[in-house]
Amino acid sequence: MIAFVMITSNCTNLTNGLSTDPVNVTDPSVIDASKYMTGVEVTLMGVFEGDQARQLSMWADNFSGEDRQYAGLGNYVTSGQDFDGEWVTIYTGIFTNTKLLKQNARPAKNFISVGIAEVIEGMCIGLAADIWGDVPFSQITQYPTIVNPTVDNQASVYAAAQNLLDSAIIHLGQSGNAPGDFLLGGDKDAWTAVAHTIKARLFLHTRDYANANKHALVGIVSPSGNVLAPHGSAYLQTFNLYYSFCTYDRSGYMGANTFAPRLLDKTQANNRNNAKTDETARLNYLYTPGGGLNFLPAGSIPYEPNVQCNFDGWGNPVDQDGFFGGVTPFPIVTYQENQLILAESYAKSGDPTNALISLNALRAYYATGAHVNSGYLPMGNNYAAYVATDFASGGIENADNIAQDQALLREILEERYVTLIGQIEGWNDMRRTGNFLKLPLPSGKADYPRRGLYSQIEINTNPNIAKASQDVTLYTSVNSFSTPY
């Protein structure tokens, strides 16, 4: 059966006081909708920022496992237990509570709340299909009538996610409000744009580039529409989850002796800096070259996640808080990703002109410095517009003389790679493109993980998952990513 486990989040203060009634906590007629909304959104943060984001970002060579079980995880030593948390958070933390939220909101004709719940459901079941391929969906809301839901094929789950998002867009155009929505303040237009961007994300995963482009065009068109997980300075309550893990929970377990920071570092061979691009500010915002934060003494590791924040004695000003600092908001879905979906979908559809326009629009945003904390900008921040000849043979983005359209596509995917550092979508990109960027693998490895392993809890309790797990290994590609890019 889908495990019913209470989820504890590092953002528990966001749900303080949601219920003092131990009997009726799941009765939507007596619990205010705002309590369900806030709880669902806190849980969403755990889905996209929690343990799985770290593990899968290691597999995308954003981070390195340096100690104890993380040394093994970084070398693909894993089991279904490592995926228990994500599985339970999606199926119990999200879907149990969105069901209650919708049951509360519908009688009051509060369709904005219903729409937001459906956006979150579509986002999360789409992610489940990304990670595991074939997963339960069609029967998951029928407990206890159906205790052990069947496994639906990945294509049907993606289709169901798209249907949820279509329904969300309809509901967001109707009446109501969204009490408890701390992510976008109940802004139905902003949530409608998010629904379109998630549709575009999932169409990109199924290689439907025309529909990916169509929905990205009406997706998140400004950074003001970004969905960012907010954070604060209280341990076990509001910390950025990366900060909590790297500094308080498992200090020294995860460094960044990896490809990603070297790609940004102009002192390294084959980095992505050039006459039009200076990544020094972004490098130092994301990583600390030479360590010295959670890896002491300084110089003991080439790079580590930049967890600096203006408390806990790091000694930095507010404008030098790092991307993984305690109070730094974490991206869930953004304008940046949407713009790169546009660029890639144009490129894959044979329209390099609009692909370059879309890429340059994002570079113009980066040129303002708004993507990093301002204290890093003096280190170097340049994103001048590219022109088509930069990707021609011998151009500054084509020193190895590959086909011009492939050089442009490579730059778009490379920009996605560094934009999505620390996010699950980076590992999805590695798999769906067949490792187009040739990210290095750990020593002795000939292949990289092509899927997540089914949750061990679910294997132990649901014979349908137990059977499905026998047919796949870590290196069996999910269907949508199994054909050449």
Protein backbone atom coordinates (compact mmCIF):
# COMPACT_ATOMS: atom_id res chain seq x y z
CA MET A 1 0.00 0.00 0.00
CA ILE A 2 1.07 3.61 -0.45
CA ALA A 3 2.79 4.26 2.85
CA PHE A 4 0.96 6.56 5.22
CA VAL A 5 3.74 8.34 7.07
CA MET A 6 3.67 11.74 8.71
CA ILE A 7 6.15 14.07 7.06
CA THR A 8 8.37 16.25 9.20
CA SER A 9 9.83 19.29 7.46
CA ASN A 10 12.58 21.72 8.31
CA CYS A 11 9.97 24.39 7.73
CA THR A 12 7.63 23.36 10.53
CA ASN A 13 7.05 26.86 11.82
CA LEU A 14 5.09 27.54 8.65
CA THR A 15 2.52 25.04 9.92
CA ASN A 16 2.56 25.91 13.61
CA GLY A 17 -0.97 26.09 14.99
CA LEU A 18 -2.58 24.48 11.97
CA SER A 19 -4.64 22.19 14.18
CA THR A 20 -5.09 21.58 17.88
CA ASP A 21 -7.71 18.88 17.31
CA PRO A 22 -6.16 15.39 17.20
CA VAL A 23 -9.47 13.80 16.20
CA ASN A 24 -10.60 15.94 13.28
CA VAL A 25 -7.27 16.89 11.73
CA THR A 26 -8.25 15.17 8.46
CA ASP A 27 -11.85 16.41 8.42
CA PRO A 28 -11.97 19.17 5.78
CA SER A 29 -15.26 20.45 7.17
CA VAL A 30 -13.64 21.61 10.40
CA ILE A 31 -10.14 22.61 9.29
CA ASP A 32 -9.73 25.91 7.49
CA ALA A 33 -8.55 25.60 3.86
CA SER A 34 -5.59 27.86 4.57
CA LYS A 35 -4.11 25.23 6.88
CA TYR A 36 -4.17 22.59 4.17
CA MET A 37 -2.78 25.03 1.60
CA THR A 38 0.16 25.99 3.78
CA GLY A 39 0.88 22.37 4.67
CA VAL A 40 0.81 21.28 1.03
CA GLU A 41 3.18 24.06 0.00
CA VAL A 42 5.62 23.23 2.81
CA THR A 43 5.56 19.62 1.62
CA LEU A 44 6.18 20.75 -1.97
CA MET A 45 9.36 22.41 -0.77
CA GLY A 46 10.52 19.07 0.61
CA VAL A 47 9.80 17.32 -2.70
CA PHE A 48 11.99 19.65 -4.75
CA GLU A 49 14.60 20.77 -2.20
CA GLY A 50 15.05 17.78 0.10
CA ASP A 51 17.17 14.63 0.17
CA GLN A 52 16.44 13.61 -3.41
CA ALA A 53 17.56 16.96 -4.80
CA ARG A 54 20.96 16.51 -3.16
CA GLN A 55 21.38 12.89 -4.20
CA LEU A 56 20.35 13.41 -7.81
CA SER A 57 22.42 16.59 -8.08
CA MET A 58 25.45 14.55 -7.04
CA TRP A 59 24.67 12.19 -9.92
CA ALA A 60 24.56 15.22 -12.24
CA ASP A 61 28.06 16.16 -10.99
CA ASN A 62 26.96 19.30 -9.12
CA PHE A 63 28.23 17.93 -5.80
CA SER A 64 30.53 15.21 -4.52
CA GLY A 65 29.99 12.70 -1.74
CA GLU A 66 32.88 13.13 0.68
CA ASP A 67 32.06 11.15 3.83
CA ARG A 68 30.18 8.08 5.08
CA GLN A 69 27.04 7.14 3.14
CA TYR A 70 27.40 10.18 0.88
CA ALA A 71 30.73 8.85 -0.39
CA GLY A 72 28.81 5.77 -1.51
CA LEU A 73 25.86 7.69 -2.92
CA GLY A 74 28.22 9.78 -5.03
CA ASN A 75 29.47 6.52 -6.55
CA TYR A 76 25.96 5.27 -7.26
CA VAL A 77 25.86 2.95 -4.24
CA THR A 78 22.17 3.22 -3.42
CA SER A 79 19.04 1.25 -2.56
CA GLY A 80 15.31 1.72 -2.48
CA GLN A 81 15.59 3.08 1.05
CA ASP A 82 17.28 6.18 -0.35
CA PHE A 83 14.07 6.93 -2.27
CA ASP A 84 11.60 6.23 0.55
CA GLY A 85 11.41 9.86 1.63
CA GLU A 86 10.61 11.25 -1.83
CA TRP A 87 8.06 8.54 -2.55
CA VAL A 88 6.23 9.03 0.75
CA THR A 89 6.39 12.83 0.51
CA ILE A 90 4.80 12.80 -2.94
CA TYR A 91 2.16 10.15 -2.37
CA THR A 92 1.24 10.87 1.24
CA GLY A 93 2.45 14.36 1.97
CA ILE A 94 1.14 15.84 -1.28
CA PHE A 95 -1.79 13.77 -2.50
CA THR A 96 -3.38 13.01 0.86
CA ASN A 97 -3.45 16.69 1.70
CA THR A 98 -4.40 18.09 -1.70
CA LYS A 99 -7.39 15.75 -1.59
CA LEU A 100 -8.44 17.29 1.73
CA LEU A 101 -7.73 20.80 0.45
CA LYS A 102 -9.98 20.28 -2.57
CA GLN A 103 -12.72 18.70 -0.47
CA ASN A 104 -12.66 21.83 1.69
CA ALA A 105 -12.47 24.33 -1.15
CA ARG A 106 -15.06 22.97 -3.60
CA PRO A 107 -18.20 23.39 -1.43
CA ALA A 108 -17.19 27.03 -0.87
CA LYS A 109 -16.66 27.48 -4.63
CA ASN A 110 -13.08 28.41 -3.83
CA PHE A 111 -11.78 27.29 -7.20
CA ILE A 112 -8.50 29.20 -7.01
CA SER A 113 -7.41 26.91 -4.17
CA VAL A 114 -8.54 23.88 -6.18
CA GLY A 115 -6.47 25.10 -9.13
CA ILE A 116 -3.34 25.60 -7.05
CA ALA A 117 -3.76 22.11 -5.57
CA GLU A 118 -3.99 20.68 -9.09
CA VAL A 119 -0.86 22.54 -10.23
CA ILE A 120 1.03 21.01 -7.31
CA GLU A 121 -0.41 17.56 -8.02
CA GLY A 122 0.55 17.76 -11.70
CA MET A 123 4.02 18.96 -10.81
CA CYS A 124 4.59 16.13 -8.33
CA ILE A 125 3.11 13.18 -10.21
CA GLY A 126 5.03 14.37 -13.27
CA LEU A 127 8.19 14.28 -11.17
CA ALA A 128 7.33 10.77 -9.99
CA ALA A 129 7.08 9.67 -13.64
CA ASP A 130 10.42 11.38 -14.33
CA ILE A 131 12.20 9.57 -11.51
CA TRP A 132 10.63 6.10 -11.55
CA GLY A 133 8.91 5.78 -14.92
CA ASP A 134 5.89 3.52 -14.33
CA VAL A 135 4.23 4.48 -11.04
CA PRO A 136 0.83 4.25 -9.33
CA PHE A 137 -1.59 7.06 -10.06
CA SER A 138 -5.06 6.09 -11.30
CA GLN A 139 -5.94 4.25 -8.07
CA ILE A 140 -4.05 6.20 -5.42
CA THR A 141 -7.06 8.15 -4.16
CA GLN A 142 -9.20 5.02 -3.71
CA TYR A 143 -7.76 3.87 -0.38
CA PRO A 144 -9.02 1.98 1.59
CA THR A 145 -11.16 0.44 -1.19
CA ILE A 146 -7.91 -0.27 -3.06
CA VAL A 147 -5.04 -0.93 -0.68
CA ASN A 148 -2.38 -1.83 -3.25
CA PRO A 149 -2.70 0.49 -6.28
CA THR A 150 -1.58 -0.83 -9.63
CA VAL A 151 1.37 0.58 -11.55
CA ASP A 152 0.42 2.81 -14.48
CA ASN A 153 2.75 3.13 -17.46
CA GLN A 154 4.81 6.30 -17.59
CA ALA A 155 3.09 7.72 -20.67
CA SER A 156 -0.33 7.52 -19.02
CA VAL A 157 1.01 9.19 -15.87
CA TYR A 158 2.47 12.05 -17.91
CA ALA A 159 -0.89 12.36 -19.66
CA ALA A 160 -2.65 12.45 -16.27
CA ALA A 161 -0.26 15.16 -15.09
CA GLN A 162 -1.08 17.22 -18.18
CA ASN A 163 -4.81 16.72 -17.54
CA LEU A 164 -4.39 17.92 -13.95
CA LEU A 165 -2.62 21.02 -15.19
CA ASP A 166 -5.32 21.66 -17.80
CA SER A 167 -7.95 21.38 -15.06
CA ALA A 168 -5.89 23.71 -12.88
CA ILE A 169 -5.81 26.36 -15.60
CA ILE A 170 -9.61 26.18 -15.89
CA HIS A 171 -10.13 26.43 -12.12
CA LEU A 172 -7.67 29.31 -11.81
CA GLY A 173 -9.85 31.24 -14.22
CA GLN A 174 -12.87 30.89 -11.94
CA SER A 175 -13.93 32.40 -8.62
CA GLY A 176 -12.42 32.12 -5.17
CA ASN A 177 -9.17 32.86 -3.40
CA ALA A 178 -6.22 31.00 -1.93
CA PRO A 179 -5.83 31.58 1.83
CA GLY A 180 -2.58 30.14 3.12
CA ASP A 181 -0.71 30.41 -0.22
CA PHE A 182 2.68 31.75 0.87
CA LEU A 183 4.43 30.90 -2.43
CA LEU A 184 2.59 33.32 -4.74
CA GLY A 185 0.17 35.09 -2.42
CA GLY A 186 -2.93 33.68 -4.09
CA ASP A 187 -2.12 35.34 -7.43
CA LYS A 188 -4.21 33.29 -9.86
CA ASP A 189 -2.50 34.75 -12.93
CA ALA A 190 0.93 33.84 -11.54
CA TRP A 191 -0.25 30.29 -10.79
CA THR A 192 -1.72 29.99 -14.29
CA ALA A 193 1.69 30.88 -15.72
CA VAL A 194 3.30 28.29 -13.43
CA ALA A 195 0.88 25.65 -14.72
CA HIS A 196 1.92 26.43 -18.29
CA THR A 197 5.62 26.25 -17.41
CA ILE A 198 5.16 22.87 -15.73
CA LYS A 199 3.25 21.68 -18.80
CA ALA A 200 6.17 22.89 -20.92
CA ARG A 201 8.65 21.10 -18.62
CA LEU A 202 6.80 17.81 -18.96
CA PHE A 203 6.32 18.17 -22.72
CA LEU A 204 10.08 18.72 -22.96
CA HIS A 205 10.53 15.43 -21.11
CA THR A 206 8.30 13.61 -23.60
CA ARG A 207 10.03 15.34 -26.52
CA ASP A 208 6.92 17.12 -27.67
CA TYR A 209 8.81 20.29 -28.53
CA ALA A 210 5.89 22.04 -30.25
CA ASN A 211 3.74 21.84 -27.12
CA ALA A 212 6.67 22.63 -24.86
CA ASN A 213 7.18 25.82 -26.84
CA LYS A 214 3.47 26.65 -26.94
CA HIS A 215 3.11 26.53 -23.16
CA ALA A 216 6.44 28.16 -22.35
CA LEU A 217 5.34 31.16 -24.42
CA VAL A 218 2.54 31.74 -21.88
CA GLY A 219 4.50 30.45 -18.90
CA ILE A 220 6.53 32.40 -16.36
CA VAL A 221 7.60 35.43 -18.38
CA SER A 222 9.27 37.40 -15.57
CA PRO A 223 11.38 36.57 -12.49
CA SER A 224 8.59 38.13 -10.42
CA GLY A 225 6.57 34.99 -11.16
CA ASN A 226 9.20 32.56 -9.83
CA VAL A 227 8.10 29.95 -7.30
CA LEU A 228 10.76 30.15 -4.61
CA ALA A 229 10.77 28.29 -1.30
CA PRO A 230 11.18 30.97 1.40
CA HIS A 231 13.60 30.42 4.27
CA GLY A 232 14.64 31.92 7.58
CA SER A 233 17.19 31.64 10.37
CA ALA A 234 15.67 28.98 12.65
CA TYR A 235 17.14 25.46 12.67
CA LEU A 236 14.57 22.67 12.24
CA GLN A 237 12.03 25.31 11.31
CA THR A 238 12.85 27.63 8.43
CA PHE A 239 16.41 26.91 7.23
CA ASN A 240 17.21 26.41 3.57
CA LEU A 241 17.30 22.60 3.48
CA TYR A 242 20.73 22.50 1.82
CA TYR A 243 22.08 24.75 4.56
CA SER A 244 20.58 22.60 7.27
CA PHE A 245 22.10 19.46 5.77
CA CYS A 246 25.53 20.85 4.91
CA THR A 247 26.09 22.85 8.10
CA TYR A 248 24.03 21.34 10.93
CA ASP A 249 22.88 17.84 10.03
CA ARG A 250 25.75 16.26 8.08
CA SER A 251 28.62 18.73 7.91
CA GLY A 252 31.42 17.47 5.71
CA TYR A 253 29.37 14.83 3.93
CA MET A 254 28.85 16.70 0.64
CA GLY A 255 31.40 18.86 -1.14
CA ALA A 256 31.70 19.97 -4.76
CA ASN A 257 34.86 18.41 -6.18
CA THR A 258 32.96 18.14 -9.45
CA PHE A 259 32.45 19.27 -13.02
CA ALA A 260 29.90 22.05 -12.35
CA PRO A 261 32.12 24.54 -10.47
CA ARG A 262 35.03 23.87 -12.81
CA LEU A 263 32.81 24.69 -15.77
CA LEU A 264 32.16 28.12 -14.20
CA ASP A 265 35.73 28.74 -13.05
CA LYS A 266 37.81 30.71 -15.56
CA THR A 267 41.03 29.32 -14.06
CA GLN A 268 40.07 25.78 -15.10
CA ALA A 269 40.55 24.10 -18.45
CA ASN A 270 37.52 23.91 -20.73
CA ASN A 271 35.48 26.38 -18.68
CA ARG A 272 32.52 28.27 -20.18
CA ASN A 273 33.87 31.82 -19.79
CA ASN A 274 34.71 33.73 -22.98
CA ALA A 275 34.90 37.26 -24.35
CA LYS A 276 31.15 37.66 -23.82
CA THR A 277 30.72 35.66 -20.63
CA ASP A 278 32.19 36.10 -17.14
CA GLU A 279 30.82 33.54 -14.69
CA THR A 280 32.96 34.53 -11.70
CA ALA A 281 30.11 36.07 -9.72
CA ARG A 282 27.84 33.08 -10.31
CA LEU A 283 30.65 30.65 -9.43
CA ASN A 284 31.28 32.31 -6.09
CA TYR A 285 27.57 32.67 -5.30
CA LEU A 286 27.02 28.94 -5.85
CA TYR A 287 30.30 27.54 -4.59
CA THR A 288 33.20 28.45 -2.34
CA PRO A 289 36.45 27.77 -4.22
CA GLY A 290 39.02 26.26 -1.91
CA GLY A 291 36.56 25.35 0.83
CA GLY A 292 36.91 26.86 4.29
CA LEU A 293 33.23 26.79 5.34
CA ASN A 294 32.18 23.25 6.27
CA PHE A 295 35.48 21.86 4.97
CA LEU A 296 38.42 23.04 7.05
CA PRO A 297 41.15 24.01 6.74
CA ALA A 298 40.68 26.17 3.67
CA GLY A 299 42.16 24.44 0.64
CA SER A 300 41.19 20.98 1.84
CA ILE A 301 38.68 20.63 -1.01
CA PRO A 302 38.61 22.37 -4.42
CA TYR A 303 35.02 23.65 -3.99
CA GLU A 304 32.09 23.28 -1.63
CA PRO A 305 28.48 24.56 -1.68
CA ASN A 306 28.38 28.21 -0.65
CA VAL A 307 26.39 28.13 2.58
CA GLN A 308 27.44 31.59 3.79
CA CYS A 309 24.72 33.57 5.53
CA ASN A 310 24.76 36.62 7.73
CA PHE A 311 24.37 34.66 10.96
CA ASP A 312 26.03 31.60 12.52
CA GLY A 313 29.36 33.41 12.57
CA TRP A 314 30.32 33.21 8.89
CA GLY A 315 31.21 36.89 8.96
CA ASN A 316 29.80 37.85 5.58
CA PRO A 317 27.50 40.80 4.85
CA VAL A 318 23.93 40.14 3.75
CA ASP A 319 24.79 40.84 0.11
CA GLN A 320 27.22 37.90 0.16
CA ASP A 321 24.83 35.23 1.39
CA GLY A 322 25.44 32.14 -0.72
CA PHE A 323 22.97 30.25 -2.89
CA PHE A 324 22.84 27.52 -0.23
CA GLY A 325 22.81 29.95 2.70
CA GLY A 326 20.37 29.54 5.55
CA VAL A 327 17.87 32.19 4.44
CA THR A 328 18.34 31.99 0.67
CA PRO A 329 15.11 31.10 -1.18
CA PHE A 330 15.31 27.91 -3.21
CA PRO A 331 13.92 27.68 -6.79
CA ILE A 332 11.09 25.26 -7.53
CA VAL A 333 10.06 26.57 -10.97
CA THR A 334 11.33 29.79 -12.50
CA TYR A 335 11.43 32.25 -15.36
CA GLN A 336 15.00 31.11 -16.00
CA GLU A 337 13.91 27.52 -16.62
CA ASN A 338 10.95 28.65 -18.72
CA GLN A 339 13.19 30.79 -20.92
CA LEU A 340 15.54 27.87 -21.48
CA ILE A 341 12.62 25.59 -22.35
CA LEU A 342 11.78 28.12 -25.04
CA ALA A 343 15.36 28.19 -26.29
CA GLU A 344 15.72 24.40 -26.38
CA SER A 345 12.31 23.77 -27.93
CA TYR A 346 13.06 26.27 -30.71
CA ALA A 347 16.49 24.71 -31.28
CA LYS A 348 15.09 21.17 -31.42
CA SER A 349 12.37 22.36 -33.82
CA GLY A 350 14.86 23.77 -36.33
CA ASP A 351 14.44 27.45 -35.43
CA PRO A 352 17.90 28.68 -34.37
CA THR A 353 16.93 32.34 -34.75
CA ASN A 354 14.28 32.24 -32.04
CA ALA A 355 16.38 29.85 -29.98
CA LEU A 356 19.13 32.48 -29.86
CA ILE A 357 16.65 35.27 -29.12
CA SER A 358 15.32 33.26 -26.16
CA LEU A 359 18.82 32.51 -24.87
CA ASN A 360 19.87 36.14 -25.18
CA ALA A 361 16.77 37.29 -23.28
CA LEU A 362 17.94 35.21 -20.32
CA ARG A 363 21.50 36.48 -20.68
CA ALA A 364 20.16 40.06 -20.62
CA TYR A 365 18.51 39.27 -17.30
CA TYR A 366 21.74 37.77 -15.96
CA ALA A 367 23.63 40.85 -17.13
CA THR A 368 21.61 42.90 -14.62
CA GLY A 369 23.13 40.80 -11.82
CA ALA A 370 19.73 39.94 -10.38
CA HIS A 371 20.49 36.20 -10.40
CA VAL A 372 23.15 36.45 -7.66
CA ASN A 373 23.52 38.42 -4.45
CA SER A 374 24.99 41.82 -5.22
CA GLY A 375 28.14 41.38 -3.14
CA TYR A 376 29.45 38.94 -5.74
CA LEU A 377 29.00 41.19 -8.77
CA PRO A 378 32.36 43.01 -8.50
CA MET A 379 34.08 39.63 -9.00
CA GLY A 380 32.89 39.53 -12.62
CA ASN A 381 29.47 39.37 -14.24
CA ASN A 382 29.21 39.64 -18.02
CA TYR A 383 26.57 38.17 -20.32
CA ALA A 384 26.76 40.07 -23.60
CA ALA A 385 24.38 39.01 -26.34
CA TYR A 386 25.54 36.23 -28.64
CA VAL A 387 25.21 36.45 -32.42
CA ALA A 388 24.78 33.57 -34.82
CA THR A 389 28.41 33.62 -35.94
CA ASP A 390 29.55 32.91 -32.37
CA PHE A 391 28.29 29.37 -33.00
CA ALA A 392 29.76 28.98 -36.47
CA SER A 393 32.87 26.88 -36.93
CA GLY A 394 35.73 28.61 -35.08
CA GLY A 395 33.36 30.99 -33.25
CA ILE A 396 33.77 31.69 -29.56
CA GLU A 397 31.16 29.02 -28.78
CA ASN A 398 32.41 26.50 -31.33
CA ALA A 399 36.13 26.00 -30.96
CA ASP A 400 35.76 22.30 -31.80
CA ASN A 401 34.07 23.03 -35.13
CA ILE A 402 30.85 21.05 -34.72
CA ALA A 403 27.71 21.87 -36.71
CA GLN A 404 26.47 25.38 -35.96
CA ASP A 405 23.03 24.27 -34.79
CA GLN A 406 24.62 21.72 -32.47
CA ALA A 407 26.94 24.35 -31.00
CA LEU A 408 23.93 26.53 -30.20
CA LEU A 409 22.05 23.59 -28.69
CA ARG A 410 25.10 22.72 -26.59
CA GLU A 411 25.24 26.25 -25.19
CA ILE A 412 21.53 26.14 -24.34
CA LEU A 413 21.93 22.82 -22.54
CA GLU A 414 25.09 24.05 -20.81
CA GLU A 415 23.21 27.12 -19.61
CA ARG A 416 20.45 24.85 -18.33
CA TYR A 417 23.06 22.82 -16.52
CA VAL A 418 24.51 25.73 -14.57
CA THR A 419 21.13 27.44 -14.08
CA LEU A 420 19.64 24.28 -12.54
CA ILE A 421 22.49 23.48 -10.14
CA GLY A 422 21.11 21.79 -7.03
CA GLN A 423 17.74 21.06 -8.67
CA ILE A 424 16.37 17.66 -9.71
CA GLU A 425 15.78 18.95 -13.23
CA GLY A 426 19.55 18.90 -13.85
CA TRP A 427 19.64 15.10 -13.49
CA ASN A 428 16.52 14.85 -15.65
CA ASP A 429 18.42 16.78 -18.35
CA MET A 430 21.39 14.44 -18.12
CA ARG A 431 19.14 11.42 -18.67
CA ARG A 432 16.76 12.76 -21.30
CA THR A 433 19.61 14.10 -23.51
CA GLY A 434 21.73 10.95 -23.19
CA ASN A 435 24.36 13.00 -21.36
CA PHE A 436 24.73 15.37 -24.30
CA LEU A 437 27.20 17.49 -22.31
CA LYS A 438 29.39 14.46 -21.56
CA LEU A 439 29.34 15.03 -17.82
CA PRO A 440 32.13 12.95 -16.27
CA LEU A 441 31.27 9.81 -14.35
CA PRO A 442 32.90 8.55 -11.15
CA SER A 443 36.10 6.59 -11.57
CA GLY A 444 35.41 3.07 -12.80
CA LYS A 445 31.82 3.78 -13.88
CA ALA A 446 30.79 3.12 -17.48
CA ASP A 447 27.22 4.39 -17.13
CA TYR A 448 25.15 6.72 -14.95
CA PRO A 449 21.87 6.13 -13.09
CA ARG A 450 19.00 6.20 -15.56
CA ARG A 451 16.17 6.09 -13.00
CA GLY A 452 15.41 6.13 -9.32
CA LEU A 453 14.91 2.85 -7.49
CA TYR A 454 11.42 2.09 -6.25
CA SER A 455 10.85 2.91 -2.59
CA GLN A 456 11.75 -0.02 -0.34
CA ILE A 457 8.74 0.77 1.86
CA GLU A 458 6.47 0.39 -1.15
CA ILE A 459 8.21 -2.77 -2.34
CA ASN A 460 7.63 -4.28 1.10
CA THR A 461 3.93 -3.39 1.23
CA ASN A 462 2.62 -3.32 -2.35
CA PRO A 463 3.07 -6.48 -4.44
CA ASN A 464 2.49 -4.47 -7.62
CA ILE A 465 5.59 -2.39 -6.91
CA ALA A 466 7.51 -5.46 -5.78
CA LYS A 467 6.83 -7.01 -9.18
CA ALA A 468 7.69 -3.83 -11.11
CA SER A 469 10.97 -3.48 -9.23
CA GLN A 470 12.12 -6.89 -10.44
CA ASP A 471 12.08 -5.71 -14.06
CA VAL A 472 14.46 -2.75 -13.69
CA THR A 473 17.84 -1.75 -12.32
CA LEU A 474 19.39 1.63 -11.58
CA TYR A 475 20.70 1.63 -15.16
CA THR A 476 17.41 0.82 -16.89
CA SER A 477 16.21 3.99 -18.57
CA VAL A 478 12.69 5.22 -18.02
CA ASN A 479 10.75 4.95 -21.27
CA SER A 480 10.56 8.66 -22.11
CA PHE A 481 14.35 9.02 -21.96
CA SER A 482 15.24 5.73 -23.64
CA THR A 483 15.49 6.86 -27.27
CA PRO A 484 18.28 9.00 -28.76
CA TYR A 485 18.02 12.71 -28.07
